[in-house]
Amino acid sequence: MVDTESTLQMLQALQEKIVREIDRKEDSLHDEIETAQPGDDDQADVADAIYERGKTLSLINNLRERLLNVEHAIQRVEDGTYGTCEMCGVEIPEARLELIPEAALCVNCASKMETSIRRHRLASEPS
């Protein structure tokens, strides 16, 4: 049985932590872009900077996606559906929720979803 109040507090703390991390990464990226001067770097340095910026943008996007999942989990706590798989309706094991507090699917359904996504990607790749 899920302790609603402590779960809500934990999810809200996680939400705040993710928001701070997004802000920190965005500030770092902004500072890096502002301090870059045209003509200061050779091609290798420019390529490295572009790679690092792309990596940072990818991390920010992943954090934003996780933030959306945490916000969804908070909503599920509030409406009383937290801890129940959204696909099959079984109770999500406590160990899974401890590892991934924003989990909305049980392991079985998450695995099926991932397999489906992989198949779709493979089918849509050009030959």
N, C-alpha and C. Protein backbone atom coordinates (compact mmCIF):
# COMPACT_ATOMS: atom_id res chain seq x y z
N MET A 1 0.84 -1.19 0.00
CA MET A 1 0.00 0.00 0.00
C MET A 1 0.88 1.25 0.00
N VAL A 2 0.57 2.21 -0.84
CA VAL A 2 1.35 3.42 -1.01
C VAL A 2 0.96 4.44 0.06
N ASP A 3 1.97 4.97 0.75
CA ASP A 3 1.77 6.06 1.70
C ASP A 3 1.68 7.35 0.88
N THR A 4 0.47 7.82 0.68
CA THR A 4 0.21 8.94 -0.22
C THR A 4 1.01 10.19 0.13
N GLU A 5 1.00 10.59 1.39
CA GLU A 5 1.66 11.83 1.78
C GLU A 5 3.17 11.77 1.57
N SER A 6 3.82 10.70 2.00
CA SER A 6 5.28 10.62 1.84
C SER A 6 5.65 10.44 0.37
N THR A 7 4.83 9.71 -0.39
CA THR A 7 5.08 9.55 -1.82
C THR A 7 4.97 10.88 -2.53
N LEU A 8 3.96 11.65 -2.19
CA LEU A 8 3.77 12.96 -2.79
C LEU A 8 4.95 13.88 -2.47
N GLN A 9 5.39 13.87 -1.22
CA GLN A 9 6.54 14.70 -0.82
C GLN A 9 7.80 14.28 -1.57
N MET A 10 8.02 12.98 -1.69
CA MET A 10 9.20 12.47 -2.37
C MET A 10 9.17 12.87 -3.85
N LEU A 11 8.01 12.74 -4.49
CA LEU A 11 7.89 13.11 -5.91
C LEU A 11 8.06 14.62 -6.11
N GLN A 12 7.53 15.41 -5.20
CA GLN A 12 7.69 16.86 -5.31
C GLN A 12 9.15 17.27 -5.11
N ALA A 13 9.86 16.59 -4.20
CA ALA A 13 11.29 16.86 -4.01
C ALA A 13 12.07 16.48 -5.27
N LEU A 14 11.71 15.35 -5.88
CA LEU A 14 12.35 14.92 -7.12
C LEU A 14 12.06 15.92 -8.24
N GLN A 15 10.84 16.40 -8.30
CA GLN A 15 10.46 17.40 -9.29
C GLN A 15 11.33 18.66 -9.14
N GLU A 16 11.48 19.13 -7.91
CA GLU A 16 12.29 20.33 -7.66
C GLU A 16 13.75 20.08 -8.03
N LYS A 17 14.26 18.91 -7.72
CA LYS A 17 15.65 18.57 -8.04
C LYS A 17 15.87 18.57 -9.56
N ILE A 18 14.92 18.01 -10.30
CA ILE A 18 15.04 17.97 -11.76
C ILE A 18 14.97 19.37 -12.34
N VAL A 19 14.06 20.20 -11.83
CA VAL A 19 13.95 21.59 -12.31
C VAL A 19 15.25 22.33 -12.07
N ARG A 20 15.85 22.16 -10.88
CA ARG A 20 17.14 22.81 -10.59
C ARG A 20 18.23 22.32 -11.54
N GLU A 21 18.25 21.03 -11.84
CA GLU A 21 19.26 20.46 -12.74
C GLU A 21 19.08 21.00 -14.16
N ILE A 22 17.83 21.10 -14.61
CA ILE A 22 17.57 21.68 -15.93
C ILE A 22 18.06 23.13 -15.97
N ASP A 23 17.72 23.90 -14.94
CA ASP A 23 18.15 25.30 -14.89
C ASP A 23 19.67 25.41 -14.90
N ARG A 24 20.34 24.55 -14.13
CA ARG A 24 21.80 24.57 -14.06
C ARG A 24 22.42 24.27 -15.43
N LYS A 25 21.90 23.25 -16.09
CA LYS A 25 22.44 22.87 -17.40
C LYS A 25 22.16 23.95 -18.45
N GLU A 26 20.96 24.55 -18.40
CA GLU A 26 20.63 25.61 -19.35
C GLU A 26 21.51 26.84 -19.12
N ASP A 27 21.75 27.18 -17.84
CA ASP A 27 22.63 28.32 -17.53
C ASP A 27 24.05 28.05 -18.04
N SER A 28 24.52 26.84 -17.81
CA SER A 28 25.86 26.47 -18.26
C SER A 28 25.97 26.56 -19.78
N LEU A 29 24.96 26.06 -20.46
CA LEU A 29 24.95 26.11 -21.92
C LEU A 29 24.91 27.55 -22.41
N HIS A 30 24.08 28.36 -21.78
CA HIS A 30 23.97 29.77 -22.16
C HIS A 30 25.30 30.49 -21.95
N ASP A 31 25.94 30.26 -20.81
CA ASP A 31 27.23 30.89 -20.53
C ASP A 31 28.28 30.47 -21.55
N GLU A 32 28.29 29.20 -21.90
CA GLU A 32 29.25 28.68 -22.87
C GLU A 32 29.06 29.34 -24.24
N ILE A 33 27.81 29.49 -24.64
CA ILE A 33 27.52 30.09 -25.94
C ILE A 33 27.88 31.57 -25.94
N GLU A 34 27.57 32.28 -24.84
CA GLU A 34 27.86 33.71 -24.78
C GLU A 34 29.36 34.00 -24.78
N THR A 35 30.14 33.14 -24.13
CA THR A 35 31.58 33.40 -24.04
C THR A 35 32.33 32.96 -25.29
N ALA A 36 31.70 32.21 -26.16
CA ALA A 36 32.37 31.75 -27.39
C ALA A 36 32.57 32.95 -28.32
N GLN A 37 33.78 33.07 -28.82
CA GLN A 37 34.11 34.16 -29.73
C GLN A 37 34.44 33.58 -31.10
N PRO A 38 33.83 34.11 -32.15
CA PRO A 38 34.15 33.63 -33.49
C PRO A 38 35.64 33.82 -33.78
N GLY A 39 36.25 32.81 -34.37
CA GLY A 39 37.64 32.90 -34.75
C GLY A 39 38.62 32.54 -33.65
N ASP A 40 38.14 32.31 -32.43
CA ASP A 40 39.03 31.97 -31.31
C ASP A 40 39.52 30.53 -31.37
N ASP A 41 38.76 29.65 -31.98
CA ASP A 41 39.06 28.23 -31.93
C ASP A 41 39.46 27.68 -33.28
N ASP A 42 40.23 26.60 -33.22
CA ASP A 42 40.49 25.91 -34.47
C ASP A 42 39.33 24.94 -34.74
N GLN A 43 39.35 24.28 -35.86
CA GLN A 43 38.23 23.41 -36.26
C GLN A 43 37.97 22.29 -35.27
N ALA A 44 39.01 21.71 -34.71
CA ALA A 44 38.85 20.62 -33.75
C ALA A 44 38.15 21.12 -32.49
N ASP A 45 38.52 22.32 -32.03
CA ASP A 45 37.88 22.89 -30.85
C ASP A 45 36.42 23.21 -31.11
N VAL A 46 36.14 23.72 -32.30
CA VAL A 46 34.75 24.03 -32.67
C VAL A 46 33.92 22.75 -32.71
N ALA A 47 34.46 21.71 -33.32
CA ALA A 47 33.75 20.43 -33.40
C ALA A 47 33.49 19.87 -32.01
N ASP A 48 34.48 19.99 -31.13
CA ASP A 48 34.33 19.51 -29.76
C ASP A 48 33.25 20.31 -29.03
N ALA A 49 33.25 21.61 -29.21
CA ALA A 49 32.25 22.46 -28.56
C ALA A 49 30.85 22.13 -29.06
N ILE A 50 30.71 21.91 -30.34
CA ILE A 50 29.41 21.55 -30.91
C ILE A 50 28.94 20.21 -30.35
N TYR A 51 29.85 19.25 -30.26
CA TYR A 51 29.51 17.94 -29.70
C TYR A 51 29.05 18.08 -28.24
N GLU A 52 29.79 18.85 -27.45
CA GLU A 52 29.45 19.03 -26.03
C GLU A 52 28.10 19.74 -25.87
N ARG A 53 27.83 20.71 -26.71
CA ARG A 53 26.54 21.42 -26.65
C ARG A 53 25.40 20.47 -27.02
N GLY A 54 25.63 19.64 -28.02
CA GLY A 54 24.61 18.65 -28.40
C GLY A 54 24.34 17.67 -27.28
N LYS A 55 25.40 17.25 -26.61
CA LYS A 55 25.26 16.33 -25.49
C LYS A 55 24.47 17.00 -24.34
N THR A 56 24.79 18.25 -24.06
CA THR A 56 24.08 18.98 -23.01
C THR A 56 22.61 19.16 -23.37
N LEU A 57 22.33 19.49 -24.62
CA LEU A 57 20.94 19.64 -25.06
C LEU A 57 20.17 18.32 -24.93
N SER A 58 20.83 17.23 -25.25
CA SER A 58 20.21 15.92 -25.11
C SER A 58 19.90 15.62 -23.64
N LEU A 59 20.84 15.94 -22.75
CA LEU A 59 20.60 15.75 -21.32
C LEU A 59 19.43 16.60 -20.84
N ILE A 60 19.36 17.83 -21.30
CA ILE A 60 18.26 18.72 -20.92
C ILE A 60 16.93 18.14 -21.39
N ASN A 61 16.89 17.65 -22.63
CA ASN A 61 15.66 17.05 -23.15
C ASN A 61 15.26 15.82 -22.35
N ASN A 62 16.23 14.99 -21.97
CA ASN A 62 15.93 13.81 -21.15
C ASN A 62 15.40 14.22 -19.78
N LEU A 63 15.98 15.26 -19.19
CA LEU A 63 15.50 15.75 -17.91
C LEU A 63 14.08 16.30 -18.02
N ARG A 64 13.81 17.00 -19.10
CA ARG A 64 12.45 17.54 -19.31
C ARG A 64 11.42 16.41 -19.44
N GLU A 65 11.82 15.35 -20.15
CA GLU A 65 10.93 14.20 -20.29
C GLU A 65 10.68 13.55 -18.93
N ARG A 66 11.76 13.40 -18.16
CA ARG A 66 11.60 12.81 -16.82
C ARG A 66 10.72 13.71 -15.96
N LEU A 67 10.89 15.02 -16.06
CA LEU A 67 10.07 15.96 -15.30
C LEU A 67 8.59 15.77 -15.63
N LEU A 68 8.26 15.62 -16.90
CA LEU A 68 6.88 15.37 -17.29
C LEU A 68 6.35 14.07 -16.66
N ASN A 69 7.21 13.04 -16.63
CA ASN A 69 6.80 11.77 -16.02
C ASN A 69 6.58 11.91 -14.52
N VAL A 70 7.43 12.70 -13.85
CA VAL A 70 7.27 12.93 -12.42
C VAL A 70 5.99 13.72 -12.16
N GLU A 71 5.72 14.72 -12.98
CA GLU A 71 4.48 15.50 -12.83
C GLU A 71 3.26 14.61 -13.04
N HIS A 72 3.35 13.68 -13.98
CA HIS A 72 2.27 12.73 -14.21
C HIS A 72 2.10 11.82 -12.98
N ALA A 73 3.22 11.40 -12.40
CA ALA A 73 3.15 10.56 -11.19
C ALA A 73 2.51 11.33 -10.04
N ILE A 74 2.83 12.60 -9.90
CA ILE A 74 2.20 13.42 -8.85
C ILE A 74 0.69 13.46 -9.06
N GLN A 75 0.27 13.63 -10.30
CA GLN A 75 -1.16 13.64 -10.60
C GLN A 75 -1.80 12.30 -10.25
N ARG A 76 -1.08 11.22 -10.52
CA ARG A 76 -1.59 9.88 -10.22
C ARG A 76 -1.71 9.67 -8.71
N VAL A 77 -0.78 10.23 -7.93
CA VAL A 77 -0.90 10.14 -6.47
C VAL A 77 -2.16 10.88 -6.04
N GLU A 78 -2.34 12.07 -6.59
CA GLU A 78 -3.49 12.90 -6.21
C GLU A 78 -4.82 12.26 -6.59
N ASP A 79 -4.86 11.53 -7.71
CA ASP A 79 -6.13 10.91 -8.10
C ASP A 79 -6.26 9.46 -7.65
N GLY A 80 -5.25 8.97 -6.91
CA GLY A 80 -5.36 7.65 -6.31
C GLY A 80 -4.99 6.48 -7.20
N THR A 81 -4.33 6.73 -8.34
CA THR A 81 -3.97 5.64 -9.24
C THR A 81 -2.48 5.33 -9.24
N TYR A 82 -1.71 6.06 -8.43
CA TYR A 82 -0.27 5.83 -8.36
C TYR A 82 0.00 4.41 -7.87
N GLY A 83 0.97 3.77 -8.52
CA GLY A 83 1.35 2.42 -8.10
C GLY A 83 0.60 1.33 -8.85
N THR A 84 -0.28 1.73 -9.77
CA THR A 84 -1.03 0.78 -10.58
C THR A 84 -0.62 0.95 -12.04
N CYS A 85 -0.33 -0.14 -12.72
CA CYS A 85 0.10 -0.09 -14.11
C CYS A 85 -1.00 0.52 -14.98
N GLU A 86 -0.64 1.49 -15.79
CA GLU A 86 -1.62 2.15 -16.67
C GLU A 86 -2.09 1.26 -17.81
N MET A 87 -1.33 0.21 -18.13
CA MET A 87 -1.74 -0.66 -19.25
C MET A 87 -2.58 -1.85 -18.77
N CYS A 88 -2.08 -2.55 -17.77
CA CYS A 88 -2.76 -3.80 -17.38
C CYS A 88 -3.50 -3.72 -16.06
N GLY A 89 -3.23 -2.67 -15.28
CA GLY A 89 -3.95 -2.47 -14.03
C GLY A 89 -3.41 -3.21 -12.82
N VAL A 90 -2.32 -3.97 -12.98
CA VAL A 90 -1.75 -4.67 -11.82
C VAL A 90 -0.96 -3.68 -10.97
N GLU A 91 -0.75 -4.05 -9.73
CA GLU A 91 0.03 -3.21 -8.83
C GLU A 91 1.51 -3.27 -9.23
N ILE A 92 2.12 -2.10 -9.33
CA ILE A 92 3.54 -2.03 -9.65
C ILE A 92 4.31 -2.36 -8.37
N PRO A 93 5.25 -3.29 -8.45
CA PRO A 93 6.00 -3.67 -7.25
C PRO A 93 6.70 -2.47 -6.60
N GLU A 94 6.72 -2.48 -5.28
CA GLU A 94 7.31 -1.39 -4.52
C GLU A 94 8.79 -1.19 -4.88
N ALA A 95 9.51 -2.29 -5.14
CA ALA A 95 10.92 -2.18 -5.50
C ALA A 95 11.09 -1.38 -6.79
N ARG A 96 10.20 -1.56 -7.75
CA ARG A 96 10.27 -0.80 -9.00
C ARG A 96 10.00 0.68 -8.75
N LEU A 97 9.02 0.97 -7.91
CA LEU A 97 8.70 2.36 -7.61
C LEU A 97 9.81 3.04 -6.82
N GLU A 98 10.56 2.27 -6.03
CA GLU A 98 11.69 2.84 -5.32
C GLU A 98 12.80 3.22 -6.29
N LEU A 99 13.01 2.38 -7.31
CA LEU A 99 14.04 2.66 -8.32
C LEU A 99 13.61 3.74 -9.29
N ILE A 100 12.35 3.67 -9.72
CA ILE A 100 11.81 4.60 -10.71
C ILE A 100 10.47 5.12 -10.17
N PRO A 101 10.52 6.13 -9.29
CA PRO A 101 9.29 6.60 -8.63
C PRO A 101 8.21 7.07 -9.60
N GLU A 102 8.62 7.48 -10.80
CA GLU A 102 7.64 7.99 -11.77
C GLU A 102 7.10 6.89 -12.67
N ALA A 103 7.45 5.64 -12.40
CA ALA A 103 7.01 4.52 -13.25
C ALA A 103 5.48 4.45 -13.30
N ALA A 104 4.96 4.36 -14.51
CA ALA A 104 3.52 4.25 -14.71
C ALA A 104 3.15 2.87 -15.25
N LEU A 105 4.18 2.07 -15.56
CA LEU A 105 3.95 0.73 -16.11
C LEU A 105 4.69 -0.30 -15.27
N CYS A 106 4.12 -1.50 -15.18
CA CYS A 106 4.82 -2.61 -14.54
C CYS A 106 5.96 -3.04 -15.47
N VAL A 107 6.85 -3.87 -14.98
CA VAL A 107 8.02 -4.29 -15.78
C VAL A 107 7.57 -4.98 -17.06
N ASN A 108 6.57 -5.85 -16.97
CA ASN A 108 6.10 -6.59 -18.13
C ASN A 108 5.57 -5.65 -19.22
N CYS A 109 4.73 -4.71 -18.83
CA CYS A 109 4.16 -3.78 -19.82
C CYS A 109 5.22 -2.82 -20.35
N ALA A 110 6.15 -2.39 -19.50
CA ALA A 110 7.23 -1.51 -19.96
C ALA A 110 8.10 -2.24 -20.98
N SER A 111 8.34 -3.52 -20.75
CA SER A 111 9.13 -4.32 -21.69
C SER A 111 8.40 -4.45 -23.02
N LYS A 112 7.09 -4.72 -22.97
CA LYS A 112 6.30 -4.81 -24.20
C LYS A 112 6.32 -3.49 -24.97
N MET A 113 6.21 -2.38 -24.23
CA MET A 113 6.21 -1.06 -24.86
C MET A 113 7.55 -0.80 -25.53
N GLU A 114 8.65 -1.11 -24.85
CA GLU A 114 9.98 -0.89 -25.41
C GLU A 114 10.20 -1.74 -26.65
N THR A 115 9.76 -2.99 -26.61
CA THR A 115 9.87 -3.88 -27.77
C THR A 115 9.10 -3.32 -28.95
N SER A 116 7.91 -2.82 -28.68
CA SER A 116 7.08 -2.23 -29.73
C SER A 116 7.75 -1.00 -30.34
N ILE A 117 8.34 -0.17 -29.50
CA ILE A 117 9.03 1.03 -29.99
C ILE A 117 10.21 0.65 -30.85
N ARG A 118 11.00 -0.35 -30.41
CA ARG A 118 12.16 -0.80 -31.19
C ARG A 118 11.72 -1.34 -32.55
N ARG A 119 10.65 -2.13 -32.56
CA ARG A 119 10.16 -2.67 -33.84
C ARG A 119 9.71 -1.57 -34.77
N HIS A 120 9.04 -0.58 -34.22
CA HIS A 120 8.57 0.54 -35.03
C HIS A 120 9.75 1.30 -35.63
N ARG A 121 10.80 1.52 -34.83
CA ARG A 121 11.99 2.22 -35.32
C ARG A 121 12.66 1.44 -36.43
N LEU A 122 12.79 0.13 -36.23
CA LEU A 122 13.42 -0.72 -37.25
C LEU A 122 12.61 -0.72 -38.54
N ALA A 123 11.29 -0.76 -38.40
CA ALA A 123 10.43 -0.79 -39.58
C ALA A 123 10.47 0.53 -40.33
N SER A 124 10.71 1.62 -39.63
CA SER A 124 10.71 2.93 -40.30
C SER A 124 12.07 3.35 -40.81
N GLU A 125 13.13 2.58 -40.52
CA GLU A 125 14.46 2.90 -41.04
C GLU A 125 14.51 2.64 -42.54
N PRO A 126 15.20 3.54 -43.26
CA PRO A 126 15.34 3.32 -44.70
C PRO A 126 16.22 2.09 -44.96
N SER A 127 15.93 1.39 -46.02
CA SER A 127 16.70 0.18 -46.37
C SER A 127 17.98 0.51 -47.06
